Amino acid sequence: MMVIGNPRFMRSRWAWWALFLLSAMPSLWLLSLYFFNPRALGIDATERLLQESGEWALRLLLITLACSPLKRIGIKWPLRYRRMFGLFAFYYATLHLSTYLFGWIELDMATFIDDLTKRPFIYLGMMTWIILLVLAATSPKWVVKALKQRWVILHKAVYLAIGLAWVHLWMQSRASAADALLYLAIIVVLLGERLLRSRWFKIAS
């Protein structure tokens, strides 16, 4: 039976489409409710869309970060789809930004500039989105080949993006402390694994 987790299935085109649809599904659900049944999202549908889209961007960033550690313990298939997960992280971050610009401040540029100067978490969110934009723009295979080693160095900026995204989540009032601490614990584990591994290799050498 073909199920997610089966090595042969996970190398197939069916797996690509399954993961694509799973990644897109939260946004399709949220947007369908937002436009056709906003009451289902609570008292403030725009605020709910802001919160959910932002958290999904962070979740997908953490999934991309988990791909390499999973490969090191023998679970190799997620690495095949790391670029897809990264692009979906940018997609959700763009949905988050678009909801803020069009739904929250209604394209009022004076409010936007005021928020950038007076609300640090807005500034950090914009910095995160710009980093993700650069990473998404340099994700095609031909760009990877053109940049070579510089691509590897550039894409280490994902660590900065994850850190900024978490601080953005922590500082803004729509996120609960419990959620932010859970994400922080996951970040510490994933980055800690990389740090310990690199230190072990230095000692071993």
Protein backbone atom coordinates (compact mmCIF):
# COMPACT_ATOMS: atom_id res chain seq x y z
CA MET A 1 0.00 0.00 0.00
CA MET A 2 1.36 3.41 -0.99
CA VAL A 3 1.51 5.65 2.06
CA ILE A 4 3.61 8.62 3.09
CA GLY A 5 6.71 7.19 4.71
CA ASN A 6 7.13 4.32 2.25
CA PRO A 7 10.57 4.94 0.64
CA ARG A 8 9.43 3.97 -2.86
CA PHE A 9 6.29 6.09 -2.66
CA MET A 10 8.23 9.07 -1.29
CA ARG A 11 10.37 9.10 -4.43
CA SER A 12 7.35 9.21 -6.72
CA ARG A 13 5.50 12.11 -8.33
CA TRP A 14 2.46 11.13 -6.25
CA ALA A 15 4.43 11.98 -3.11
CA TRP A 16 5.36 15.38 -4.55
CA TRP A 17 1.71 16.19 -5.19
CA ALA A 18 0.61 14.79 -1.82
CA LEU A 19 3.10 16.99 0.05
CA PHE A 20 2.28 19.98 -2.16
CA LEU A 21 -1.43 19.67 -1.36
CA LEU A 22 -0.77 19.08 2.34
CA SER A 23 1.37 22.22 2.46
CA ALA A 24 -1.20 24.29 0.56
CA MET A 25 -4.26 22.98 2.41
CA PRO A 26 -4.09 25.27 5.49
CA SER A 27 -4.05 28.36 3.29
CA LEU A 28 -6.87 27.08 1.09
CA TRP A 29 -8.97 26.39 4.18
CA LEU A 30 -8.19 29.75 5.78
CA LEU A 31 -8.79 31.77 2.61
CA SER A 32 -12.04 29.97 1.79
CA LEU A 33 -13.36 30.80 5.26
CA TYR A 34 -11.99 34.34 5.16
CA PHE A 35 -13.78 35.20 1.91
CA PHE A 36 -16.91 33.06 2.16
CA ASN A 37 -17.57 32.44 5.87
CA PRO A 38 -15.46 34.86 7.94
CA ARG A 39 -17.51 34.28 11.09
CA ALA A 40 -16.06 30.78 11.25
CA LEU A 41 -12.65 32.37 11.95
CA GLY A 42 -13.91 34.14 15.06
CA ILE A 43 -14.65 37.73 16.02
CA ASP A 44 -11.83 39.18 13.88
CA ALA A 45 -11.25 37.11 10.74
CA THR A 46 -8.34 39.28 9.59
CA GLU A 47 -6.51 38.84 12.88
CA ARG A 48 -7.03 35.09 12.73
CA LEU A 49 -5.70 34.92 9.16
CA LEU A 50 -2.70 37.02 10.21
CA GLN A 51 -1.91 34.72 13.11
CA GLU A 52 -2.40 31.44 11.27
CA SER A 53 -0.50 32.44 8.13
CA GLY A 54 2.43 33.72 10.19
CA GLU A 55 2.61 30.56 12.27
CA TRP A 56 2.43 28.35 9.20
CA ALA A 57 5.36 30.25 7.71
CA LEU A 58 7.38 29.52 10.84
CA ARG A 59 6.26 25.87 10.94
CA LEU A 60 7.40 25.30 7.37
CA LEU A 61 10.71 27.00 8.07
CA LEU A 62 11.20 24.58 10.96
CA ILE A 63 10.34 21.66 8.67
CA THR A 64 13.07 22.78 6.25
CA LEU A 65 15.46 23.00 9.19
CA ALA A 66 14.55 19.47 10.28
CA CYS A 67 15.30 17.87 6.90
CA SER A 68 19.07 17.51 7.42
CA PRO A 69 18.89 16.09 10.99
CA LEU A 70 16.28 13.59 9.79
CA LYS A 71 18.60 12.48 7.01
CA ARG A 72 21.38 11.94 9.54
CA ILE A 73 19.20 9.51 11.49
CA GLY A 74 18.22 7.62 8.35
CA ILE A 75 15.00 9.37 7.28
CA LYS A 76 16.15 10.67 3.92
CA TRP A 77 12.99 11.44 1.96
CA PRO A 78 12.17 14.87 3.51
CA LEU A 79 15.42 16.27 2.09
CA ARG A 80 14.08 15.69 -1.44
CA TYR A 81 11.30 18.18 -0.72
CA ARG A 82 13.18 20.76 1.32
CA ARG A 83 13.03 23.36 -1.44
CA MET A 84 9.25 22.90 -1.70
CA PHE A 85 8.85 23.39 2.04
CA GLY A 86 11.05 26.49 1.90
CA LEU A 87 9.02 27.99 -0.93
CA PHE A 88 5.82 27.30 0.95
CA ALA A 89 7.30 29.07 3.98
CA PHE A 90 7.82 32.12 1.74
CA TYR A 91 4.29 31.72 0.39
CA TYR A 92 2.78 31.77 3.88
CA ALA A 93 5.00 34.68 4.89
CA THR A 94 3.73 36.55 1.81
CA LEU A 95 0.15 35.69 2.71
CA HIS A 96 0.87 36.98 6.22
CA LEU A 97 2.29 40.24 4.85
CA SER A 98 -0.53 40.63 2.31
CA THR A 99 -3.15 40.15 5.02
CA TYR A 100 -1.48 42.87 7.06
CA LEU A 101 -1.16 45.29 4.12
CA PHE A 102 -4.55 44.73 2.48
CA GLY A 103 -6.74 43.50 5.33
CA TRP A 104 -5.30 45.12 8.45
CA ILE A 105 -4.10 48.57 7.36
CA GLU A 106 -5.92 48.64 3.98
CA LEU A 107 -2.83 49.83 2.11
CA ASP A 108 -2.50 52.94 4.24
CA MET A 109 1.18 53.71 3.68
CA ALA A 110 1.24 56.34 6.44
CA THR A 111 0.12 53.66 8.91
CA PHE A 112 2.65 51.23 7.46
CA ILE A 113 5.55 53.66 7.94
CA ASP A 114 4.29 54.52 11.41
CA ASP A 115 4.14 50.81 12.31
CA LEU A 116 7.68 50.27 11.01
CA THR A 117 9.03 53.01 13.24
CA LYS A 118 6.93 52.44 16.35
CA ARG A 119 6.32 48.68 16.37
CA PRO A 120 9.59 46.73 16.30
CA PHE A 121 7.88 43.42 15.55
CA ILE A 122 6.57 44.87 12.26
CA TYR A 123 10.11 45.88 11.30
CA LEU A 124 11.44 42.42 12.20
CA GLY A 125 8.64 40.80 10.22
CA MET A 126 9.56 42.83 7.14
CA MET A 127 13.23 41.89 7.53
CA THR A 128 12.20 38.22 7.72
CA TRP A 129 10.09 38.50 4.59
CA ILE A 130 12.91 40.19 2.64
CA ILE A 131 15.33 37.40 3.61
CA LEU A 132 12.81 34.77 2.55
CA LEU A 133 12.26 36.64 -0.73
CA VAL A 134 15.99 36.47 -1.48
CA LEU A 135 16.12 32.78 -0.57
CA ALA A 136 13.08 32.00 -2.74
CA ALA A 137 14.50 33.97 -5.68
CA THR A 138 17.76 32.03 -5.48
CA SER A 139 16.16 28.59 -5.09
CA PRO A 140 15.94 27.52 -8.79
CA LYS A 141 18.51 24.91 -9.77
CA TRP A 142 20.15 27.11 -12.39
CA VAL A 143 20.76 29.80 -9.77
CA VAL A 144 22.25 27.22 -7.40
CA LYS A 145 24.66 26.13 -10.14
CA ALA A 146 25.54 29.72 -11.02
CA LEU A 147 26.25 30.80 -7.43
CA LYS A 148 28.02 27.56 -6.43
CA GLN A 149 29.59 27.93 -2.97
CA ARG A 150 28.16 31.43 -2.59
CA TRP A 151 24.69 29.86 -2.68
CA VAL A 152 25.50 27.75 0.38
CA ILE A 153 26.72 30.81 2.26
CA LEU A 154 23.71 32.88 1.19
CA HIS A 155 21.21 30.25 2.25
CA LYS A 156 22.61 30.12 5.75
CA ALA A 157 20.52 33.28 6.14
CA VAL A 158 17.62 30.90 6.80
CA TYR A 159 18.90 30.70 10.39
CA LEU A 160 18.57 34.46 10.71
CA ALA A 161 15.10 34.33 9.16
CA ILE A 162 13.97 31.71 11.67
CA GLY A 163 15.34 33.75 14.57
CA LEU A 164 13.66 36.94 13.38
CA ALA A 165 10.40 35.11 12.70
CA TRP A 166 10.39 33.73 16.23
CA VAL A 167 11.08 37.15 17.79
CA HIS A 168 8.32 38.61 15.60
CA LEU A 169 5.95 35.94 16.91
CA TRP A 170 7.02 36.49 20.51
CA MET A 171 6.65 40.26 20.41
CA GLN A 172 3.27 40.50 18.73
CA SER A 173 0.25 40.24 20.97
CA ARG A 174 -1.66 37.77 18.79
CA ALA A 175 0.68 34.90 19.72
CA SER A 176 0.38 33.05 23.01
CA ALA A 177 3.45 32.61 25.19
CA ALA A 178 2.95 28.83 25.18
CA ASP A 179 3.08 28.65 21.38
CA ALA A 180 6.14 30.88 21.20
CA LEU A 181 7.97 28.79 23.82
CA LEU A 182 7.12 25.58 21.99
CA TYR A 183 8.56 26.96 18.75
CA LEU A 184 11.63 28.15 20.64
CA ALA A 185 12.18 24.67 22.07
CA ILE A 186 12.03 23.17 18.57
CA ILE A 187 14.46 25.80 17.25
CA VAL A 188 16.90 25.12 20.12
CA VAL A 189 16.79 21.37 19.43
CA LEU A 190 17.31 21.74 15.67
CA LEU A 191 20.08 24.33 15.95
CA GLY A 192 21.62 22.57 18.94
CA GLU A 193 21.94 19.37 16.91
CA ARG A 194 23.84 21.27 14.24
CA LEU A 195 26.07 22.99 16.78
CA LEU A 196 26.95 19.77 18.63
CA ARG A 197 27.58 17.96 15.38
CA SER A 198 29.90 20.65 14.06
CA ARG A 199 31.78 20.77 17.36
CA TRP A 200 32.08 16.96 17.40
CA PHE A 201 33.57 17.01 13.91
CA LYS A 202 36.09 19.67 14.95
CA ILE A 203 37.16 17.60 17.94
CA ALA A 204 37.32 14.41 15.87
CA SER A 205 39.50 16.07 13.27
